[in-house]
Amino acid sequence: MGIGARHRKAGVTLDQKIQLWNAIGTWVAGIATFAAVITSLYLARQSSRVKMKAVVGLRLVIGRGAPREEVLQFSVTNQGDRPVTISNVGWVIGKGKNQRHALQLFGSAYSASIPKTLAHGERADFLISFTERPDWLDEFSKKFVMTNDPKVLRTLTAEIRTSVDQTVKVKPEALLLQRIAEAYKSPA
């Protein structure tokens, strides 16, 4: 048997091995390119999203010479890379067909005004002064919440809407929920 016959019997030639590795390399490069495109699209989408942190609760305002004053505070911080404009703040309660919505207006001297644009890392505090609006808790609980049922109160959510129609939802702190339930029980 000659040399050529021995190589044919042995199976794969060097030329075939090179072609196989060339095809594998093309596949690997294609997969890596696809992964890079997907990653760049994901990162572009993430950078365009609004990222805000919000807290809704009762606070005391204290200071030199200022009387102690209780306020309802909506504290909003822009954690995203791009500026965000807050166009309105409101409330939602209930589920499904029983869901109700309300816009919240602010007028306290301490409060930020709406619309409010926040750069990366900036914070705005929207406040309702109970000195200026002593009836707020009573009105809110009886005219909007309309119950002290804990199941329904758990659905109460504050909503912060942006000018690009994205909404950040935040649950009120436990003390605020408790005070709303107490206000509903109290006589008008």
Protein backbone atom coordinates (compact mmCIF):
# COMPACT_ATOMS: atom_id res chain seq x y z
CA MET A 1 0.00 0.00 0.00
CA GLY A 2 1.30 3.44 -0.89
CA ILE A 3 1.60 6.53 1.22
CA GLY A 4 -1.54 8.19 -0.26
CA ALA A 5 -3.68 5.16 0.44
CA ARG A 6 -2.59 5.10 4.06
CA HIS A 7 -3.69 8.77 4.55
CA ARG A 8 -7.03 8.15 2.84
CA LYS A 9 -7.68 5.23 5.17
CA ALA A 10 -6.68 7.25 8.22
CA GLY A 11 -9.64 9.60 7.61
CA VAL A 12 -9.43 13.40 7.77
CA THR A 13 -6.81 15.28 5.81
CA LEU A 14 -5.01 18.39 7.03
CA ASP A 15 -6.98 20.47 4.50
CA GLN A 16 -10.27 19.19 5.94
CA LYS A 17 -9.16 19.97 9.49
CA ILE A 18 -8.34 23.55 8.46
CA GLN A 19 -11.79 23.92 6.84
CA LEU A 20 -13.50 22.54 9.97
CA TRP A 21 -11.66 24.97 12.29
CA ASN A 22 -12.37 27.82 9.88
CA ALA A 23 -16.13 27.03 10.07
CA ILE A 24 -16.02 26.78 13.86
CA GLY A 25 -14.23 30.16 14.05
CA THR A 26 -16.89 31.76 11.84
CA TRP A 27 -19.65 30.41 14.10
CA VAL A 28 -17.93 31.62 17.27
CA ALA A 29 -17.38 35.09 15.77
CA GLY A 30 -21.06 35.24 14.72
CA ILE A 31 -22.26 34.29 18.19
CA ALA A 32 -19.92 36.85 19.81
CA THR A 33 -21.18 39.58 17.45
CA PHE A 34 -24.80 38.68 18.23
CA ALA A 35 -24.07 38.82 22.00
CA ALA A 36 -22.37 42.22 21.61
CA VAL A 37 -25.37 43.65 19.73
CA ILE A 38 -27.82 42.33 22.36
CA THR A 39 -25.67 43.75 25.18
CA SER A 40 -25.40 47.19 23.55
CA LEU A 41 -29.17 47.32 22.95
CA TYR A 42 -29.80 46.35 26.59
CA LEU A 43 -27.41 49.04 27.87
CA ALA A 44 -28.93 51.69 25.58
CA ARG A 45 -32.42 50.83 26.80
CA GLN A 46 -31.34 50.88 30.47
CA SER A 47 -29.72 54.31 30.15
CA SER A 48 -32.92 55.77 28.68
CA ARG A 49 -35.12 54.52 31.55
CA VAL A 50 -36.19 56.76 34.38
CA LYS A 51 -34.70 55.66 37.70
CA MET A 52 -36.15 57.41 40.72
CA LYS A 53 -36.33 56.57 44.39
CA ALA A 54 -39.33 57.90 46.27
CA VAL A 55 -40.57 57.90 49.86
CA VAL A 56 -44.00 59.03 51.09
CA GLY A 57 -44.55 59.60 54.78
CA LEU A 58 -45.17 61.95 57.69
CA ARG A 59 -42.35 64.20 58.92
CA LEU A 60 -41.77 66.92 61.50
CA VAL A 61 -40.25 70.21 60.39
CA ILE A 62 -38.16 71.71 63.17
CA GLY A 63 -35.57 74.44 63.28
CA ARG A 64 -34.30 77.61 64.92
CA GLY A 65 -37.26 79.77 65.84
CA ALA A 66 -39.63 77.79 63.63
CA PRO A 67 -42.56 76.10 65.30
CA ARG A 68 -42.68 72.33 65.16
CA GLU A 69 -44.86 71.43 62.18
CA GLU A 70 -46.09 68.11 60.80
CA VAL A 71 -46.05 67.62 57.03
CA LEU A 72 -46.78 64.93 54.47
CA GLN A 73 -43.61 64.48 52.42
CA PHE A 74 -43.15 63.03 48.94
CA SER A 75 -39.35 62.81 48.63
CA VAL A 76 -38.14 61.98 45.09
CA THR A 77 -34.51 61.41 44.05
CA ASN A 78 -33.33 60.98 40.45
CA GLN A 79 -30.96 57.99 40.40
CA GLY A 80 -30.82 57.77 36.60
CA ASP A 81 -28.16 59.13 34.28
CA ARG A 82 -30.46 61.54 32.47
CA PRO A 83 -32.54 64.46 33.75
CA VAL A 84 -36.17 63.71 34.58
CA THR A 85 -39.13 66.07 34.82
CA ILE A 86 -41.84 65.25 37.36
CA SER A 87 -45.12 66.32 35.78
CA ASN A 88 -47.57 65.28 38.51
CA VAL A 89 -48.00 63.38 41.74
CA GLY A 90 -51.08 61.45 42.71
CA TRP A 91 -52.69 58.51 44.47
CA VAL A 92 -54.23 55.19 43.44
CA ILE A 93 -56.35 52.93 45.64
CA GLY A 94 -58.20 49.69 44.93
CA LYS A 95 -57.84 47.02 42.28
CA GLY A 96 -59.41 46.35 38.90
CA LYS A 97 -62.77 48.03 38.31
CA ASN A 98 -62.74 49.44 41.85
CA GLN A 99 -59.50 51.37 41.31
CA ARG A 100 -59.69 55.14 41.92
CA HIS A 101 -57.15 57.86 41.08
CA ALA A 102 -56.50 61.32 42.53
CA LEU A 103 -54.04 64.12 41.76
CA GLN A 104 -52.23 65.67 44.69
CA LEU A 105 -51.76 69.43 44.75
CA PHE A 106 -49.04 71.11 46.79
CA GLY A 107 -49.01 74.65 48.12
CA SER A 108 -46.72 74.70 51.13
CA ALA A 109 -44.04 77.37 51.26
CA TYR A 110 -41.50 74.56 51.86
CA SER A 111 -42.63 72.44 48.92
CA ALA A 112 -41.04 72.09 45.50
CA SER A 113 -43.39 73.05 42.68
CA ILE A 114 -44.58 70.90 39.78
CA PRO A 115 -43.32 70.48 37.11
CA LYS A 116 -39.88 69.89 38.60
CA THR A 117 -36.79 68.83 36.63
CA LEU A 118 -34.17 66.80 38.48
CA ALA A 119 -30.63 66.15 37.23
CA HIS A 120 -28.77 62.97 38.24
CA GLY A 121 -28.60 62.76 42.03
CA GLU A 122 -30.93 65.69 42.70
CA ARG A 123 -33.86 65.42 45.12
CA ALA A 124 -37.14 67.26 45.42
CA ASP A 125 -39.48 67.33 48.41
CA PHE A 126 -43.17 67.90 47.76
CA LEU A 127 -44.90 68.80 51.04
CA ILE A 128 -48.36 69.29 52.44
CA SER A 129 -48.29 71.33 55.62
CA PHE A 130 -50.84 70.20 58.22
CA THR A 131 -50.60 73.68 59.75
CA GLU A 132 -51.79 75.17 56.46
CA ARG A 133 -54.13 72.25 55.72
CA PRO A 134 -55.20 70.80 59.11
CA ASP A 135 -58.13 69.01 57.45
CA TRP A 136 -56.02 67.15 54.84
CA LEU A 137 -55.91 63.74 56.59
CA ASP A 138 -59.64 63.88 57.38
CA GLU A 139 -60.62 64.89 53.83
CA PHE A 140 -58.26 62.40 52.20
CA SER A 141 -59.44 59.48 54.32
CA LYS A 142 -63.18 60.22 54.03
CA LYS A 143 -63.43 61.55 50.47
CA PHE A 144 -60.80 59.51 48.64
CA VAL A 145 -59.79 56.42 50.66
CA MET A 146 -63.36 55.99 52.03
CA THR A 147 -62.51 53.06 54.31
CA ASN A 148 -60.26 51.94 57.11
CA ASP A 149 -60.24 48.30 55.89
CA PRO A 150 -56.58 47.16 56.11
CA LYS A 151 -56.98 45.10 52.91
CA VAL A 152 -58.01 48.16 50.92
CA LEU A 153 -55.48 50.43 52.63
CA ARG A 154 -52.69 48.07 51.52
CA THR A 155 -53.59 48.93 47.90
CA LEU A 156 -53.00 52.66 48.47
CA THR A 157 -50.08 53.79 46.32
CA ALA A 158 -48.54 57.16 45.54
CA GLU A 159 -47.66 57.67 41.89
CA ILE A 160 -45.03 60.03 40.55
CA ARG A 161 -45.42 60.61 36.80
CA THR A 162 -42.75 61.99 34.51
CA SER A 163 -42.98 64.06 31.35
CA VAL A 164 -42.02 60.97 29.30
CA ASP A 165 -45.06 59.14 30.72
CA GLN A 166 -43.19 56.80 33.03
CA THR A 167 -44.63 56.24 36.49
CA VAL A 168 -42.88 55.45 39.75
CA LYS A 169 -45.16 53.82 42.33
CA VAL A 170 -44.40 53.95 46.03
CA LYS A 171 -46.16 52.53 49.07
CA PRO A 172 -46.85 55.03 51.85
CA GLU A 173 -45.04 54.41 55.14
CA ALA A 174 -46.91 52.46 57.85
CA LEU A 175 -47.42 55.49 60.13
CA LEU A 176 -49.20 57.40 57.34
CA LEU A 177 -51.49 54.42 56.65
CA GLN A 178 -52.26 54.20 60.37
CA ARG A 179 -53.09 57.92 60.57
CA ILE A 180 -55.36 57.66 57.50
CA ALA A 181 -57.27 54.76 59.12
CA GLU A 182 -57.59 56.72 62.39
CA ALA A 183 -58.83 59.82 60.54
CA TYR A 184 -61.50 57.76 58.79
CA LYS A 185 -62.81 56.47 62.16
CA SER A 186 -62.92 59.93 63.75
CA PRO A 187 -66.10 62.04 63.58
CA ALA A 188 -66.12 64.77 60.95
